[in-house]
Amino acid sequence: MFKPIYPVSGKIIREFSDQSLVYSKTLDEWTEHSGIDIEAEEGSDVKACFDGTIIDLGEDPLYGKYVVVDHSDGYISKYFNLKDLKYVQVGDIVRQGQKIGEVGDKL
């Protein structure tokens, strides 16, 4: 059974929304929001929400450094605004609660 945990402790500042448009300050447009945004202290540990395999990592001009984890059965989690990418590499297997990064200072 897929029972994810939150990747960081903090206040949810933007909920998931696939039914209605929400305004994105980052994109400066109204769009669906296919995730949640959690406000957390810079440098806080970011943990895998569930067991999986790192399938991508890199840097996006809008969202900063990121890691993508494939949890199988169609579940994928994406972690944006990371401080750096030194904790995992593509192909690594991670366990729920394992540190995969730290909160960055963007957004």
C-alpha atoms as a PDB file:
ATOM      1  CA  MET A   1       0.000   0.000   0.000  1.00  0.00           C
ATOM      2  CA  PHE A   2       1.284   3.479  -0.921  1.00  0.00           C
ATOM      3  CA  LYS A   3       1.394   5.589   2.260  1.00  0.00           C
ATOM      4  CA  PRO A   4       3.720   8.537   1.677  1.00  0.00           C
ATOM      5  CA  ILE A   5       5.046  10.893   4.342  1.00  0.00           C
ATOM      6  CA  TYR A   6       5.663  14.623   3.974  1.00  0.00           C
ATOM      7  CA  PRO A   7       9.213  15.333   2.782  1.00  0.00           C
ATOM      8  CA  VAL A   8       9.711  18.254   5.206  1.00  0.00           C
ATOM      9  CA  SER A   9       8.079  19.641   8.320  1.00  0.00           C
ATOM     10  CA  GLY A  10       6.343  22.918   7.678  1.00  0.00           C
ATOM     11  CA  LYS A  11       3.204  24.742   6.675  1.00  0.00           C
ATOM     12  CA  ILE A  12       1.494  23.760   3.415  1.00  0.00           C
ATOM     13  CA  ILE A  13       1.344  27.041   1.502  1.00  0.00           C
ATOM     14  CA  ARG A  14      -0.185  25.711  -1.722  1.00  0.00           C
ATOM     15  CA  GLU A  15      -2.433  22.670  -1.997  1.00  0.00           C
ATOM     16  CA  PHE A  16      -2.732  20.192  -4.855  1.00  0.00           C
ATOM     17  CA  SER A  17      -5.242  21.431  -7.453  1.00  0.00           C
ATOM     18  CA  ASP A  18      -6.103  19.549 -10.632  1.00  0.00           C
ATOM     19  CA  GLN A  19      -9.710  20.774 -10.818  1.00  0.00           C
ATOM     20  CA  SER A  20      -9.283  24.539 -10.562  1.00  0.00           C
ATOM     21  CA  LEU A  21      -6.635  27.057 -11.526  1.00  0.00           C
ATOM     22  CA  VAL A  22      -4.429  28.718  -8.922  1.00  0.00           C
ATOM     23  CA  TYR A  23      -2.118  31.686  -9.398  1.00  0.00           C
ATOM     24  CA  SER A  24       1.590  30.819  -9.494  1.00  0.00           C
ATOM     25  CA  LYS A  25       3.923  33.675  -8.504  1.00  0.00           C
ATOM     26  CA  THR A  26       6.844  31.665  -9.887  1.00  0.00           C
ATOM     27  CA  LEU A  27       5.281  31.263 -13.337  1.00  0.00           C
ATOM     28  CA  ASP A  28       3.269  34.512 -13.198  1.00  0.00           C
ATOM     29  CA  GLU A  29       0.194  32.726 -14.524  1.00  0.00           C
ATOM     30  CA  TRP A  30      -2.948  30.837 -13.553  1.00  0.00           C
ATOM     31  CA  THR A  31      -2.386  27.098 -13.781  1.00  0.00           C
ATOM     32  CA  GLU A  32      -3.225  23.736 -12.235  1.00  0.00           C
ATOM     33  CA  HIS A  33      -0.981  22.808  -9.329  1.00  0.00           C
ATOM     34  CA  SER A  34      -0.031  19.140  -9.490  1.00  0.00           C
ATOM     35  CA  GLY A  35       1.758  19.035  -6.151  1.00  0.00           C
ATOM     36  CA  ILE A  36       1.913  20.717  -2.777  1.00  0.00           C
ATOM     37  CA  ASP A  37       4.242  23.478  -1.648  1.00  0.00           C
ATOM     38  CA  ILE A  38       5.554  23.280   1.897  1.00  0.00           C
ATOM     39  CA  GLU A  39       7.182  26.256   3.597  1.00  0.00           C
ATOM     40  CA  ALA A  40      10.287  25.114   5.475  1.00  0.00           C
ATOM     41  CA  GLU A  41      13.468  26.595   6.901  1.00  0.00           C
ATOM     42  CA  GLU A  42      16.410  26.822   4.527  1.00  0.00           C
ATOM     43  CA  GLY A  43      18.759  23.907   5.171  1.00  0.00           C
ATOM     44  CA  SER A  44      16.016  21.634   6.563  1.00  0.00           C
ATOM     45  CA  ASP A  45      16.356  17.988   5.562  1.00  0.00           C
ATOM     46  CA  VAL A  46      14.229  16.869   2.605  1.00  0.00           C
ATOM     47  CA  LYS A  47      13.287  13.208   2.862  1.00  0.00           C
ATOM     48  CA  ALA A  48      11.909  10.700   0.380  1.00  0.00           C
ATOM     49  CA  CYS A  49       8.151  10.478   0.861  1.00  0.00           C
ATOM     50  CA  PHE A  50       8.208   6.753   0.032  1.00  0.00           C
ATOM     51  CA  ASP A  51      10.593   4.014  -1.156  1.00  0.00           C
ATOM     52  CA  GLY A  52      11.753   4.399  -4.746  1.00  0.00           C
ATOM     53  CA  THR A  53      14.496   4.937  -7.301  1.00  0.00           C
ATOM     54  CA  ILE A  54      16.053   8.260  -8.286  1.00  0.00           C
ATOM     55  CA  ILE A  55      15.205   8.689 -11.985  1.00  0.00           C
ATOM     56  CA  ASP A  56      16.228  12.310 -12.572  1.00  0.00           C
ATOM     57  CA  LEU A  57      17.950  15.247 -10.961  1.00  0.00           C
ATOM     58  CA  GLY A  58      19.125  18.593 -12.182  1.00  0.00           C
ATOM     59  CA  GLU A  59      18.437  22.300 -12.152  1.00  0.00           C
ATOM     60  CA  ASP A  60      15.423  24.138 -13.541  1.00  0.00           C
ATOM     61  CA  PRO A  61      15.529  27.923 -14.136  1.00  0.00           C
ATOM     62  CA  LEU A  62      12.182  28.423 -12.355  1.00  0.00           C
ATOM     63  CA  TYR A  63      12.177  25.751  -9.671  1.00  0.00           C
ATOM     64  CA  GLY A  64      15.859  25.427  -8.823  1.00  0.00           C
ATOM     65  CA  LYS A  65      17.644  22.161  -8.114  1.00  0.00           C
ATOM     66  CA  TYR A  66      15.401  19.103  -8.111  1.00  0.00           C
ATOM     67  CA  VAL A  67      15.235  15.333  -7.603  1.00  0.00           C
ATOM     68  CA  VAL A  68      12.621  12.954  -9.055  1.00  0.00           C
ATOM     69  CA  VAL A  69      11.829   9.610  -7.415  1.00  0.00           C
ATOM     70  CA  ASP A  70       9.898   6.783  -9.111  1.00  0.00           C
ATOM     71  CA  HIS A  71       7.894   4.850  -6.518  1.00  0.00           C
ATOM     72  CA  SER A  72       6.531   2.359  -9.111  1.00  0.00           C
ATOM     73  CA  ASP A  73       2.887   1.646  -9.890  1.00  0.00           C
ATOM     74  CA  GLY A  74       2.639   5.081 -11.549  1.00  0.00           C
ATOM     75  CA  TYR A  75       3.660   7.110  -8.492  1.00  0.00           C
ATOM     76  CA  ILE A  76       6.411   9.706  -8.935  1.00  0.00           C
ATOM     77  CA  SER A  77       7.466  12.439  -6.510  1.00  0.00           C
ATOM     78  CA  LYS A  78       9.380  15.578  -7.409  1.00  0.00           C
ATOM     79  CA  TYR A  79      11.334  17.665  -4.934  1.00  0.00           C
ATOM     80  CA  PHE A  80      12.166  21.215  -6.026  1.00  0.00           C
ATOM     81  CA  ASN A  81      14.129  24.129  -4.541  1.00  0.00           C
ATOM     82  CA  LEU A  82      16.892  21.955  -3.117  1.00  0.00           C
ATOM     83  CA  LYS A  83      20.088  23.507  -1.792  1.00  0.00           C
ATOM     84  CA  ASP A  84      22.324  21.111  -3.744  1.00  0.00           C
ATOM     85  CA  LEU A  85      22.331  17.676  -5.358  1.00  0.00           C
ATOM     86  CA  LYS A  86      25.016  15.899  -3.357  1.00  0.00           C
ATOM     87  CA  TYR A  87      22.926  13.340  -1.468  1.00  0.00           C
ATOM     88  CA  VAL A  88      21.679  11.113  -4.301  1.00  0.00           C
ATOM     89  CA  GLN A  89      22.468  10.121  -7.882  1.00  0.00           C
ATOM     90  CA  VAL A  90      20.326   8.777 -10.715  1.00  0.00           C
ATOM     91  CA  GLY A  91      19.798   5.056 -10.118  1.00  0.00           C
ATOM     92  CA  ASP A  92      20.045   5.229  -6.319  1.00  0.00           C
ATOM     93  CA  ILE A  93      17.407   3.315  -4.391  1.00  0.00           C
ATOM     94  CA  VAL A  94      16.000   5.358  -1.511  1.00  0.00           C
ATOM     95  CA  ARG A  95      13.835   4.402   1.437  1.00  0.00           C
ATOM     96  CA  GLN A  96      10.939   6.335   2.914  1.00  0.00           C
ATOM     97  CA  GLY A  97      12.334   8.974   5.271  1.00  0.00           C
ATOM     98  CA  GLN A  98      15.848   8.867   3.795  1.00  0.00           C
ATOM     99  CA  LYS A  99      17.481  12.279   3.347  1.00  0.00           C
ATOM    100  CA  ILE A 100      17.691  13.187  -0.337  1.00  0.00           C
ATOM    101  CA  GLY A 101      18.513  16.883   0.000  1.00  0.00           C
ATOM    102  CA  GLU A 102      18.106  20.105   1.935  1.00  0.00           C
ATOM    103  CA  VAL A 103      15.724  23.016   1.438  1.00  0.00           C
ATOM    104  CA  GLY A 104      17.237  25.763  -0.725  1.00  0.00           C
ATOM    105  CA  ASP A 105      16.680  29.516  -0.633  1.00  0.00           C
ATOM    106  CA  LYS A 106      14.651  30.116  -3.803  1.00  0.00           C
ATOM    107  CA  LEU A 107      10.926  30.634  -4.250  1.00  0.00           C
END
